[in-house]
PDB file of N, CA and C in Angstrom:
ATOM      1  N   MET A   1       9.486  34.062  11.903  1.00  0.00           N
ATOM      2  CA  MET A   1       9.134  35.127  10.980  1.00  0.00           C
ATOM      3  C   MET A   1       8.582  34.501   9.698  1.00  0.00           C
ATOM      4  N   SER A   2       7.417  34.949   9.269  1.00  0.00           N
ATOM      5  CA  SER A   2       6.830  34.403   8.053  1.00  0.00           C
ATOM      6  C   SER A   2       7.404  35.118   6.828  1.00  0.00           C
ATOM      7  N   LYS A   3       7.475  34.373   5.752  1.00  0.00           N
ATOM      8  CA  LYS A   3       7.970  34.958   4.505  1.00  0.00           C
ATOM      9  C   LYS A   3       6.905  35.862   3.905  1.00  0.00           C
ATOM     10  N   LYS A   4       7.356  36.924   3.266  1.00  0.00           N
ATOM     11  CA  LYS A   4       6.447  37.830   2.582  1.00  0.00           C
ATOM     12  C   LYS A   4       6.771  37.783   1.101  1.00  0.00           C
ATOM     13  N   TYR A   5       5.755  37.909   0.287  1.00  0.00           N
ATOM     14  CA  TYR A   5       5.949  37.896  -1.149  1.00  0.00           C
ATOM     15  C   TYR A   5       4.825  38.673  -1.811  1.00  0.00           C
ATOM     16  N   ALA A   6       5.044  38.981  -3.045  1.00  0.00           N
ATOM     17  CA  ALA A   6       4.036  39.684  -3.837  1.00  0.00           C
ATOM     18  C   ALA A   6       4.073  39.139  -5.254  1.00  0.00           C
ATOM     19  N   ILE A   7       2.937  39.156  -5.901  1.00  0.00           N
ATOM     20  CA  ILE A   7       2.825  38.740  -7.296  1.00  0.00           C
ATOM     21  C   ILE A   7       2.074  39.843  -8.034  1.00  0.00           C
ATOM     22  N   ALA A   8       2.577  40.222  -9.187  1.00  0.00           N
ATOM     23  CA  ALA A   8       1.884  41.175 -10.049  1.00  0.00           C
ATOM     24  C   ALA A   8       1.700  40.518 -11.410  1.00  0.00           C
ATOM     25  N   ILE A   9       0.517  40.611 -11.965  1.00  0.00           N
ATOM     26  CA  ILE A   9       0.221  40.032 -13.280  1.00  0.00           C
ATOM     27  C   ILE A   9      -0.524  41.063 -14.118  1.00  0.00           C
ATOM     28  N   HIS A  10      -0.603  40.794 -15.414  1.00  0.00           N
ATOM     29  CA  HIS A  10      -1.465  41.605 -16.271  1.00  0.00           C
ATOM     30  C   HIS A  10      -2.033  40.696 -17.353  1.00  0.00           C
ATOM     31  N   GLY A  11      -3.122  41.122 -17.932  1.00  0.00           N
ATOM     32  CA  GLY A  11      -3.843  40.290 -18.891  1.00  0.00           C
ATOM     33  C   GLY A  11      -3.418  40.469 -20.332  1.00  0.00           C
ATOM     34  N   GLY A  12      -2.324  41.146 -20.594  1.00  0.00           N
ATOM     35  CA  GLY A  12      -1.834  41.275 -21.960  1.00  0.00           C
ATOM     36  C   GLY A  12      -1.879  42.704 -22.454  1.00  0.00           C
ATOM     37  N   ALA A  13      -1.404  42.868 -23.667  1.00  0.00           N
ATOM     38  CA  ALA A  13      -1.353  44.200 -24.284  1.00  0.00           C
ATOM     39  C   ALA A  13      -2.723  44.573 -24.837  1.00  0.00           C
ATOM     40  N   GLY A  14      -2.910  45.841 -25.031  1.00  0.00           N
ATOM     41  CA  GLY A  14      -4.166  46.304 -25.607  1.00  0.00           C
ATOM     42  C   GLY A  14      -5.002  47.022 -24.569  1.00  0.00           C
ATOM     43  N   THR A  15      -6.164  47.448 -24.983  1.00  0.00           N
ATOM     44  CA  THR A  15      -7.037  48.226 -24.120  1.00  0.00           C
ATOM     45  C   THR A  15      -8.412  47.590 -24.062  1.00  0.00           C
ATOM     46  N   LEU A  16      -8.912  47.436 -22.859  1.00  0.00           N
ATOM     47  CA  LEU A  16     -10.292  47.008 -22.650  1.00  0.00           C
ATOM     48  C   LEU A  16     -11.064  48.224 -22.161  1.00  0.00           C
ATOM     49  N   SER A  17     -12.012  48.661 -22.932  1.00  0.00           N
ATOM     50  CA  SER A  17     -12.784  49.836 -22.576  1.00  0.00           C
ATOM     51  C   SER A  17     -13.911  49.445 -21.620  1.00  0.00           C
ATOM     52  N   LYS A  18     -13.970  50.093 -20.467  1.00  0.00           N
ATOM     53  CA  LYS A  18     -15.033  49.815 -19.495  1.00  0.00           C
ATOM     54  C   LYS A  18     -16.408  50.092 -20.088  1.00  0.00           C
ATOM     55  N   GLU A  19     -16.483  51.077 -20.974  1.00  0.00           N
ATOM     56  CA  GLU A  19     -17.769  51.427 -21.582  1.00  0.00           C
ATOM     57  C   GLU A  19     -18.304  50.298 -22.471  1.00  0.00           C
ATOM     58  N   ASN A  20     -17.404  49.499 -23.033  1.00  0.00           N
ATOM     59  CA  ASN A  20     -17.813  48.421 -23.930  1.00  0.00           C
ATOM     60  C   ASN A  20     -17.838  47.055 -23.248  1.00  0.00           C
ATOM     61  N   MET A  21     -17.663  47.026 -21.937  1.00  0.00           N
ATOM     62  CA  MET A  21     -17.599  45.763 -21.213  1.00  0.00           C
ATOM     63  C   MET A  21     -18.840  45.612 -20.341  1.00  0.00           C
ATOM     64  N   THR A  22     -19.506  44.478 -20.475  1.00  0.00           N
ATOM     65  CA  THR A  22     -20.655  44.206 -19.613  1.00  0.00           C
ATOM     66  C   THR A  22     -20.167  43.874 -18.211  1.00  0.00           C
ATOM     67  N   GLU A  23     -21.059  43.945 -17.267  1.00  0.00           N
ATOM     68  CA  GLU A  23     -20.722  43.587 -15.888  1.00  0.00           C
ATOM     69  C   GLU A  23     -20.283  42.124 -15.817  1.00  0.00           C
ATOM     70  N   GLU A  24     -20.933  41.258 -16.564  1.00  0.00           N
ATOM     71  CA  GLU A  24     -20.570  39.841 -16.577  1.00  0.00           C
ATOM     72  C   GLU A  24     -19.159  39.640 -17.131  1.00  0.00           C
ATOM     73  N   LEU A  25     -18.806  40.324 -18.208  1.00  0.00           N
ATOM     74  CA  LEU A  25     -17.475  40.191 -18.792  1.00  0.00           C
ATOM     75  C   LEU A  25     -16.402  40.740 -17.844  1.00  0.00           C
ATOM     76  N   ARG A  26     -16.705  41.838 -17.183  1.00  0.00           N
ATOM     77  CA  ARG A  26     -15.780  42.394 -16.192  1.00  0.00           C
ATOM     78  C   ARG A  26     -15.534  41.388 -15.076  1.00  0.00           C
ATOM     79  N   ARG A  27     -16.605  40.744 -14.592  1.00  0.00           N
ATOM     80  CA  ARG A  27     -16.484  39.747 -13.540  1.00  0.00           C
ATOM     81  C   ARG A  27     -15.651  38.556 -14.007  1.00  0.00           C
ATOM     82  N   GLN A  28     -15.852  38.127 -15.259  1.00  0.00           N
ATOM     83  CA  GLN A  28     -15.073  37.010 -15.800  1.00  0.00           C
ATOM     84  C   GLN A  28     -13.583  37.344 -15.823  1.00  0.00           C
ATOM     85  N   HIS A  29     -13.248  38.563 -16.255  1.00  0.00           N
ATOM     86  CA  HIS A  29     -11.846  38.983 -16.279  1.00  0.00           C
ATOM     87  C   HIS A  29     -11.260  39.001 -14.861  1.00  0.00           C
ATOM     88  N   GLU A  30     -11.978  39.592 -13.934  1.00  0.00           N
ATOM     89  CA  GLU A  30     -11.482  39.679 -12.558  1.00  0.00           C
ATOM     90  C   GLU A  30     -11.328  38.294 -11.942  1.00  0.00           C
ATOM     91  N   ASP A  31     -12.291  37.402 -12.179  1.00  0.00           N
ATOM     92  CA  ASP A  31     -12.199  36.038 -11.646  1.00  0.00           C
ATOM     93  C   ASP A  31     -10.989  35.306 -12.218  1.00  0.00           C
ATOM     94  N   ALA A  32     -10.749  35.461 -13.508  1.00  0.00           N
ATOM     95  CA  ALA A  32      -9.609  34.787 -14.141  1.00  0.00           C
ATOM     96  C   ALA A  32      -8.285  35.342 -13.633  1.00  0.00           C
ATOM     97  N   LEU A  33      -8.194  36.652 -13.464  1.00  0.00           N
ATOM     98  CA  LEU A  33      -6.977  37.249 -12.908  1.00  0.00           C
ATOM     99  C   LEU A  33      -6.745  36.770 -11.480  1.00  0.00           C
ATOM    100  N   ARG A  34      -7.821  36.698 -10.710  1.00  0.00           N
ATOM    101  CA  ARG A  34      -7.712  36.199  -9.333  1.00  0.00           C
ATOM    102  C   ARG A  34      -7.223  34.753  -9.332  1.00  0.00           C
ATOM    103  N   GLU A  35      -7.743  33.930 -10.242  1.00  0.00           N
ATOM    104  CA  GLU A  35      -7.313  32.536 -10.327  1.00  0.00           C
ATOM    105  C   GLU A  35      -5.823  32.438 -10.666  1.00  0.00           C
ATOM    106  N   ALA A  36      -5.353  33.273 -11.579  1.00  0.00           N
ATOM    107  CA  ALA A  36      -3.931  33.269 -11.936  1.00  0.00           C
ATOM    108  C   ALA A  36      -3.075  33.632 -10.727  1.00  0.00           C
ATOM    109  N   LEU A  37      -3.501  34.654  -9.984  1.00  0.00           N
ATOM    110  CA  LEU A  37      -2.765  35.036  -8.775  1.00  0.00           C
ATOM    111  C   LEU A  37      -2.734  33.899  -7.760  1.00  0.00           C
ATOM    112  N   LEU A  38      -3.863  33.239  -7.583  1.00  0.00           N
ATOM    113  CA  LEU A  38      -3.935  32.140  -6.627  1.00  0.00           C
ATOM    114  C   LEU A  38      -3.042  30.973  -7.039  1.00  0.00           C
ATOM    115  N   LYS A  39      -2.949  30.715  -8.341  1.00  0.00           N
ATOM    116  CA  LYS A  39      -2.059  29.645  -8.817  1.00  0.00           C
ATOM    117  C   LYS A  39      -0.613  29.957  -8.427  1.00  0.00           C
ATOM    118  N   GLY A  40      -0.193  31.191  -8.640  1.00  0.00           N
ATOM    119  CA  GLY A  40       1.160  31.586  -8.266  1.00  0.00           C
ATOM    120  C   GLY A  40       1.370  31.582  -6.763  1.00  0.00           C
ATOM    121  N   MET A  41       0.411  32.102  -6.016  1.00  0.00           N
ATOM    122  CA  MET A  41       0.531  32.138  -4.559  1.00  0.00           C
ATOM    123  C   MET A  41       0.588  30.726  -3.982  1.00  0.00           C
ATOM    124  N   HIS A  42      -0.153  29.813  -4.566  1.00  0.00           N
ATOM    125  CA  HIS A  42      -0.155  28.424  -4.109  1.00  0.00           C
ATOM    126  C   HIS A  42       1.269  27.843  -4.159  1.00  0.00           C
ATOM    127  N   VAL A  43       1.990  28.123  -5.229  1.00  0.00           N
ATOM    128  CA  VAL A  43       3.373  27.644  -5.355  1.00  0.00           C
ATOM    129  C   VAL A  43       4.237  28.240  -4.245  1.00  0.00           C
ATOM    130  N   LEU A  44       4.108  29.535  -4.027  1.00  0.00           N
ATOM    131  CA  LEU A  44       4.924  30.202  -3.010  1.00  0.00           C
ATOM    132  C   LEU A  44       4.583  29.727  -1.597  1.00  0.00           C
ATOM    133  N   GLU A  45       3.300  29.540  -1.321  1.00  0.00           N
ATOM    134  CA  GLU A  45       2.885  29.096   0.006  1.00  0.00           C
ATOM    135  C   GLU A  45       3.410  27.703   0.337  1.00  0.00           C
ATOM    136  N   ARG A  46       3.692  26.922  -0.672  1.00  0.00           N
ATOM    137  CA  ARG A  46       4.221  25.579  -0.467  1.00  0.00           C
ATOM    138  C   ARG A  46       5.752  25.563  -0.532  1.00  0.00           C
ATOM    139  N   GLY A  47       6.358  26.748  -0.522  1.00  0.00           N
ATOM    140  CA  GLY A  47       7.809  26.846  -0.493  1.00  0.00           C
ATOM    141  C   GLY A  47       8.467  26.763  -1.858  1.00  0.00           C
ATOM    142  N   GLY A  48       7.668  26.879  -2.935  1.00  0.00           N
ATOM    143  CA  GLY A  48       8.214  26.797  -4.285  1.00  0.00           C
ATOM    144  C   GLY A  48       9.016  28.027  -4.673  1.00  0.00           C
ATOM    145  N   ARG A  49       9.729  27.906  -5.765  1.00  0.00           N
ATOM    146  CA  ARG A  49      10.550  29.006  -6.270  1.00  0.00           C
ATOM    147  C   ARG A  49       9.669  30.062  -6.935  1.00  0.00           C
ATOM    148  N   SER A  50      10.108  31.300  -6.881  1.00  0.00           N
ATOM    149  CA  SER A  50       9.325  32.387  -7.467  1.00  0.00           C
ATOM    150  C   SER A  50       9.155  32.207  -8.972  1.00  0.00           C
ATOM    151  N   VAL A  51      10.185  31.711  -9.647  1.00  0.00           N
ATOM    152  CA  VAL A  51      10.071  31.513 -11.092  1.00  0.00           C
ATOM    153  C   VAL A  51       8.990  30.472 -11.409  1.00  0.00           C
ATOM    154  N   ASP A  52       8.818  29.480 -10.542  1.00  0.00           N
ATOM    155  CA  ASP A  52       7.760  28.483 -10.735  1.00  0.00           C
ATOM    156  C   ASP A  52       6.379  29.082 -10.463  1.00  0.00           C
ATOM    157  N   ALA A  53       6.308  30.014  -9.524  1.00  0.00           N
ATOM    158  CA  ALA A  53       5.051  30.705  -9.252  1.00  0.00           C
ATOM    159  C   ALA A  53       4.643  31.553 -10.452  1.00  0.00           C
ATOM    160  N   VAL A  54       5.605  32.242 -11.041  1.00  0.00           N
ATOM    161  CA  VAL A  54       5.332  33.044 -12.237  1.00  0.00           C
ATOM    162  C   VAL A  54       4.831  32.148 -13.364  1.00  0.00           C
ATOM    163  N   GLU A  55       5.505  31.031 -13.574  1.00  0.00           N
ATOM    164  CA  GLU A  55       5.094  30.117 -14.638  1.00  0.00           C
ATOM    165  C   GLU A  55       3.675  29.603 -14.413  1.00  0.00           C
ATOM    166  N   ALA A  56       3.329  29.253 -13.184  1.00  0.00           N
ATOM    167  CA  ALA A  56       1.982  28.759 -12.880  1.00  0.00           C
ATOM    168  C   ALA A  56       0.925  29.811 -13.206  1.00  0.00           C
ATOM    169  N   ALA A  57       1.198  31.062 -12.839  1.00  0.00           N
ATOM    170  CA  ALA A  57       0.241  32.136 -13.129  1.00  0.00           C
ATOM    171  C   ALA A  57       0.122  32.376 -14.630  1.00  0.00           C
ATOM    172  N   VAL A  58       1.238  32.378 -15.319  1.00  0.00           N
ATOM    173  CA  VAL A  58       1.227  32.638 -16.766  1.00  0.00           C
ATOM    174  C   VAL A  58       0.525  31.520 -17.533  1.00  0.00           C
ATOM    175  N   ILE A  59       0.752  30.272 -17.141  1.00  0.00           N
ATOM    176  CA  ILE A  59       0.084  29.160 -17.822  1.00  0.00           C
ATOM    177  C   ILE A  59      -1.430  29.322 -17.710  1.00  0.00           C
ATOM    178  N   MET A  60      -1.914  29.733 -16.543  1.00  0.00           N
ATOM    179  CA  MET A  60      -3.355  29.935 -16.388  1.00  0.00           C
ATOM    180  C   MET A  60      -3.842  31.032 -17.335  1.00  0.00           C
ATOM    181  N   LEU A  61      -3.090  32.134 -17.427  1.00  0.00           N
ATOM    182  CA  LEU A  61      -3.480  33.226 -18.327  1.00  0.00           C
ATOM    183  C   LEU A  61      -3.428  32.783 -19.785  1.00  0.00           C
ATOM    184  N   GLU A  62      -2.436  31.967 -20.150  1.00  0.00           N
ATOM    185  CA  GLU A  62      -2.335  31.467 -21.524  1.00  0.00           C
ATOM    186  C   GLU A  62      -3.497  30.535 -21.869  1.00  0.00           C
ATOM    187  N   ASP A  63      -4.014  29.838 -20.868  1.00  0.00           N
ATOM    188  CA  ASP A  63      -5.130  28.919 -21.099  1.00  0.00           C
ATOM    189  C   ASP A  63      -6.478  29.626 -21.167  1.00  0.00           C
ATOM    190  N   CYS A  64      -6.525  30.891 -20.797  1.00  0.00           N
ATOM    191  CA  CYS A  64      -7.776  31.647 -20.752  1.00  0.00           C
ATOM    192  C   CYS A  64      -7.916  32.510 -22.002  1.00  0.00           C
ATOM    193  N   ALA A  65      -8.983  32.305 -22.738  1.00  0.00           N
ATOM    194  CA  ALA A  65      -9.202  33.040 -23.993  1.00  0.00           C
ATOM    195  C   ALA A  65      -9.500  34.525 -23.780  1.00  0.00           C
ATOM    196  N   LEU A  66      -9.693  34.957 -22.548  1.00  0.00           N
ATOM    197  CA  LEU A  66      -9.993  36.362 -22.276  1.00  0.00           C
ATOM    198  C   LEU A  66      -8.779  37.273 -22.416  1.00  0.00           C
ATOM    199  N   PHE A  67      -7.577  36.685 -22.350  1.00  0.00           N
ATOM    200  CA  PHE A  67      -6.382  37.507 -22.284  1.00  0.00           C
ATOM    201  C   PHE A  67      -5.514  37.365 -23.520  1.00  0.00           C
ATOM    202  N   ASN A  68      -4.691  38.372 -23.753  1.00  0.00           N
ATOM    203  CA  ASN A  68      -3.845  38.446 -24.931  1.00  0.00           C
ATOM    204  C   ASN A  68      -2.574  37.632 -24.728  1.00  0.00           C
ATOM    205  N   ALA A  69      -2.770  36.340 -24.536  1.00  0.00           N
ATOM    206  CA  ALA A  69      -1.665  35.386 -24.389  1.00  0.00           C
ATOM    207  C   ALA A  69      -2.234  34.009 -24.713  1.00  0.00           C
ATOM    208  N   GLY A  70      -1.455  33.149 -25.289  1.00  0.00           N
ATOM    209  CA  GLY A  70      -1.931  31.795 -25.578  1.00  0.00           C
ATOM    210  C   GLY A  70      -3.225  31.796 -26.357  1.00  0.00           C
ATOM    211  N   LYS A  71      -4.271  31.209 -25.794  1.00  0.00           N
ATOM    212  CA  LYS A  71      -5.568  31.080 -26.476  1.00  0.00           C
ATOM    213  C   LYS A  71      -6.182  32.417 -26.853  1.00  0.00           C
ATOM    214  N   GLY A  72      -5.902  33.458 -26.107  1.00  0.00           N
ATOM    215  CA  GLY A  72      -6.505  34.753 -26.379  1.00  0.00           C
ATOM    216  C   GLY A  72      -5.672  35.673 -27.254  1.00  0.00           C
ATOM    217  N   SER A  73      -4.589  35.164 -27.808  1.00  0.00           N
ATOM    218  CA  SER A  73      -3.688  36.008 -28.602  1.00  0.00           C
ATOM    219  C   SER A  73      -4.402  36.639 -29.791  1.00  0.00           C
ATOM    220  N   VAL A  74      -3.981  37.821 -30.121  1.00  0.00           N
ATOM    221  CA  VAL A  74      -4.562  38.505 -31.272  1.00  0.00           C
ATOM    222  C   VAL A  74      -3.881  38.016 -32.550  1.00  0.00           C
ATOM    223  N   PHE A  75      -4.554  38.234 -33.668  1.00  0.00           N
ATOM    224  CA  PHE A  75      -4.017  37.828 -34.966  1.00  0.00           C
ATOM    225  C   PHE A  75      -2.941  38.799 -35.423  1.00  0.00           C
ATOM    226  N   ASN A  76      -1.948  38.274 -36.154  1.00  0.00           N
ATOM    227  CA  ASN A  76      -0.970  39.154 -36.778  1.00  0.00           C
ATOM    228  C   ASN A  76      -1.556  39.672 -38.099  1.00  0.00           C
ATOM    229  N   ARG A  77      -0.833  40.482 -38.827  1.00  0.00           N
ATOM    230  CA  ARG A  77      -1.398  41.079 -40.046  1.00  0.00           C
ATOM    231  C   ARG A  77      -1.639  40.069 -41.158  1.00  0.00           C
ATOM    232  N   GLU A  78      -1.015  38.891 -41.077  1.00  0.00           N
ATOM    233  CA  GLU A  78      -1.266  37.837 -42.062  1.00  0.00           C
ATOM    234  C   GLU A  78      -2.440  36.948 -41.659  1.00  0.00           C
ATOM    235  N   GLY A  79      -3.044  37.217 -40.502  1.00  0.00           N
ATOM    236  CA  GLY A  79      -4.199  36.452 -40.049  1.00  0.00           C
ATOM    237  C   GLY A  79      -3.851  35.223 -39.237  1.00  0.00           C
ATOM    238  N   GLY A  80      -2.609  35.061 -38.861  1.00  0.00           N
ATOM    239  CA  GLY A  80      -2.196  33.926 -38.039  1.00  0.00           C
ATOM    240  C   GLY A  80      -1.805  34.376 -36.648  1.00  0.00           C
ATOM    241  N   HIS A  81      -1.399  33.429 -35.849  1.00  0.00           N
ATOM    242  CA  HIS A  81      -0.944  33.735 -34.496  1.00  0.00           C
ATOM    243  C   HIS A  81       0.553  33.492 -34.382  1.00  0.00           C
ATOM    244  N   GLU A  82       1.211  34.407 -33.730  1.00  0.00           N
ATOM    245  CA  GLU A  82       2.611  34.272 -33.352  1.00  0.00           C
ATOM    246  C   GLU A  82       2.713  34.741 -31.917  1.00  0.00           C
ATOM    247  N   THR A  83       3.613  34.157 -31.176  1.00  0.00           N
ATOM    248  CA  THR A  83       3.745  34.572 -29.787  1.00  0.00           C
ATOM    249  C   THR A  83       5.212  34.716 -29.402  1.00  0.00           C
ATOM    250  N   ASP A  84       5.461  35.667 -28.544  1.00  0.00           N
ATOM    251  CA  ASP A  84       6.779  35.883 -27.961  1.00  0.00           C
ATOM    252  C   ASP A  84       6.616  35.721 -26.449  1.00  0.00           C
ATOM    253  N   ALA A  85       7.640  35.247 -25.803  1.00  0.00           N
ATOM    254  CA  ALA A  85       7.581  35.103 -24.349  1.00  0.00           C
ATOM    255  C   ALA A  85       8.996  35.118 -23.786  1.00  0.00           C
ATOM    256  N   ALA A  86       9.094  35.531 -22.537  1.00  0.00           N
ATOM    257  CA  ALA A  86      10.387  35.522 -21.848  1.00  0.00           C
ATOM    258  C   ALA A  86      10.142  35.308 -20.369  1.00  0.00           C
ATOM    259  N   ILE A  87      11.109  34.719 -19.718  1.00  0.00           N
ATOM    260  CA  ILE A  87      11.048  34.533 -18.275  1.00  0.00           C
ATOM    261  C   ILE A  87      12.478  34.591 -17.739  1.00  0.00           C
ATOM    262  N   MET A  88      12.618  35.111 -16.532  1.00  0.00           N
ATOM    263  CA  MET A  88      13.947  35.208 -15.927  1.00  0.00           C
ATOM    264  C   MET A  88      13.853  34.844 -14.459  1.00  0.00           C
ATOM    265  N   ASP A  89      14.822  34.116 -13.992  1.00  0.00           N
ATOM    266  CA  ASP A  89      14.955  33.798 -12.577  1.00  0.00           C
ATOM    267  C   ASP A  89      15.890  34.850 -11.988  1.00  0.00           C
ATOM    268  N   GLY A  90      15.338  35.772 -11.234  1.00  0.00           N
ATOM    269  CA  GLY A  90      16.132  36.865 -10.686  1.00  0.00           C
ATOM    270  C   GLY A  90      17.221  36.424  -9.733  1.00  0.00           C
ATOM    271  N   SER A  91      17.037  35.284  -9.084  1.00  0.00           N
ATOM    272  CA  SER A  91      18.048  34.841  -8.122  1.00  0.00           C
ATOM    273  C   SER A  91      19.284  34.269  -8.806  1.00  0.00           C
ATOM    274  N   THR A  92      19.137  33.802 -10.048  1.00  0.00           N
ATOM    275  CA  THR A  92      20.276  33.223 -10.768  1.00  0.00           C
ATOM    276  C   THR A  92      20.640  34.002 -12.025  1.00  0.00           C
ATOM    277  N   SER A  93      19.803  34.927 -12.419  1.00  0.00           N
ATOM    278  CA  SER A  93      19.938  35.693 -13.668  1.00  0.00           C
ATOM    279  C   SER A  93      19.830  34.817 -14.911  1.00  0.00           C
ATOM    280  N   GLN A  94      19.360  33.585 -14.760  1.00  0.00           N
ATOM    281  CA  GLN A  94      19.122  32.744 -15.932  1.00  0.00           C
ATOM    282  C   GLN A  94      17.818  33.188 -16.586  1.00  0.00           C
ATOM    283  N   ALA A  95      17.816  33.198 -17.910  1.00  0.00           N
ATOM    284  CA  ALA A  95      16.640  33.650 -18.635  1.00  0.00           C
ATOM    285  C   ALA A  95      16.423  32.783 -19.865  1.00  0.00           C
ATOM    286  N   GLY A  96      15.211  32.774 -20.331  1.00  0.00           N
ATOM    287  CA  GLY A  96      14.874  32.087 -21.565  1.00  0.00           C
ATOM    288  C   GLY A  96      13.826  32.899 -22.295  1.00  0.00           C
ATOM    289  N   ALA A  97      13.812  32.785 -23.606  1.00  0.00           N
ATOM    290  CA  ALA A  97      12.846  33.549 -24.390  1.00  0.00           C
ATOM    291  C   ALA A  97      12.540  32.817 -25.683  1.00  0.00           C
ATOM    292  N   THR A  98      11.391  33.133 -26.233  1.00  0.00           N
ATOM    293  CA  THR A  98      10.991  32.625 -27.544  1.00  0.00           C
ATOM    294  C   THR A  98      10.445  33.793 -28.341  1.00  0.00           C
ATOM    295  N   ILE A  99      10.531  33.686 -29.652  1.00  0.00           N
ATOM    296  CA  ILE A  99       9.922  34.717 -30.499  1.00  0.00           C
ATOM    297  C   ILE A  99       9.240  34.060 -31.685  1.00  0.00           C
ATOM    298  N   THR A 100       8.199  34.685 -32.122  1.00  0.00           N
ATOM    299  CA  THR A 100       7.404  34.295 -33.298  1.00  0.00           C
ATOM    300  C   THR A 100       7.078  32.809 -33.360  1.00  0.00           C
ATOM    301  N   LEU A 101       6.716  32.240 -32.212  1.00  0.00           N
ATOM    302  CA  LEU A 101       6.278  30.851 -32.205  1.00  0.00           C
ATOM    303  C   LEU A 101       4.889  30.743 -32.839  1.00  0.00           C
ATOM    304  N   THR A 102       4.667  29.698 -33.569  1.00  0.00           N
ATOM    305  CA  THR A 102       3.351  29.386 -34.100  1.00  0.00           C
ATOM    306  C   THR A 102       2.992  27.973 -33.668  1.00  0.00           C
ATOM    307  N   ARG A 103       1.735  27.683 -33.624  1.00  0.00           N
ATOM    308  CA  ARG A 103       1.221  26.362 -33.253  1.00  0.00           C
ATOM    309  C   ARG A 103       1.661  25.918 -31.855  1.00  0.00           C
ATOM    310  N   VAL A 104       1.787  26.854 -30.945  1.00  0.00           N
ATOM    311  CA  VAL A 104       2.143  26.550 -29.561  1.00  0.00           C
ATOM    312  C   VAL A 104       1.083  27.174 -28.672  1.00  0.00           C
ATOM    313  N   ALA A 105       0.403  26.346 -27.877  1.00  0.00           N
ATOM    314  CA  ALA A 105      -0.651  26.867 -27.013  1.00  0.00           C
ATOM    315  C   ALA A 105      -0.087  27.652 -25.839  1.00  0.00           C
ATOM    316  N   GLN A 106       1.039  27.210 -25.294  1.00  0.00           N
ATOM    317  CA  GLN A 106       1.627  27.871 -24.137  1.00  0.00           C
ATOM    318  C   GLN A 106       3.102  28.136 -24.379  1.00  0.00           C
ATOM    319  N   ALA A 107       3.413  29.378 -24.669  1.00  0.00           N
ATOM    320  CA  ALA A 107       4.816  29.738 -24.896  1.00  0.00           C
ATOM    321  C   ALA A 107       5.647  29.458 -23.649  1.00  0.00           C
ATOM    322  N   SER A 108       5.034  29.546 -22.495  1.00  0.00           N
ATOM    323  CA  SER A 108       5.780  29.328 -21.248  1.00  0.00           C
ATOM    324  C   SER A 108       6.282  27.906 -21.101  1.00  0.00           C
ATOM    325  N   THR A 109       5.686  26.954 -21.823  1.00  0.00           N
ATOM    326  CA  THR A 109       6.121  25.569 -21.702  1.00  0.00           C
ATOM    327  C   THR A 109       6.865  25.091 -22.944  1.00  0.00           C
ATOM    328  N   ALA A 110       7.055  25.972 -23.928  1.00  0.00           N
ATOM    329  CA  ALA A 110       7.763  25.591 -25.148  1.00  0.00           C
ATOM    330  C   ALA A 110       9.242  25.413 -24.850  1.00  0.00           C
ATOM    331  N   SER A 111       9.832  24.382 -25.404  1.00  0.00           N
ATOM    332  CA  SER A 111      11.265  24.196 -25.201  1.00  0.00           C
ATOM    333  C   SER A 111      11.922  23.737 -26.481  1.00  0.00           C
TER     334      SER A 111
END
C-alpha cells in the first residue's frame, strides 16, 4: 500500500487583484507556488517527516519576493520589516514560534 499525503500552501496575507495582474505575473506566482509544493512533496516522497516537508516549502516561499513572507514581506508602519512565524509537528505536538523578528531572511530557520 502506498502512502498518501497532501500539502496545502498559501502565498501570504493580502489580496492580489486579477484585474491588476498581468498574465506573466500570474504565471510567475503559479510557477513559484508549484515549486514550493514540489519542494515539500520531494521530502515526503523520500520518506521525510511532514514537518520537514512544510519547512522546505516555506523556505522556498520566503526566498521568493513575490510572496508576503521573507523577501516579499510588506513594510510595517515605521517602514521596516518584522516577521512572525510558527510551526508545529502534529505527531509530537511540539511547536516553535517567533515574533517581530528583524534582519532575518527566513523566519523558518531562525533559532
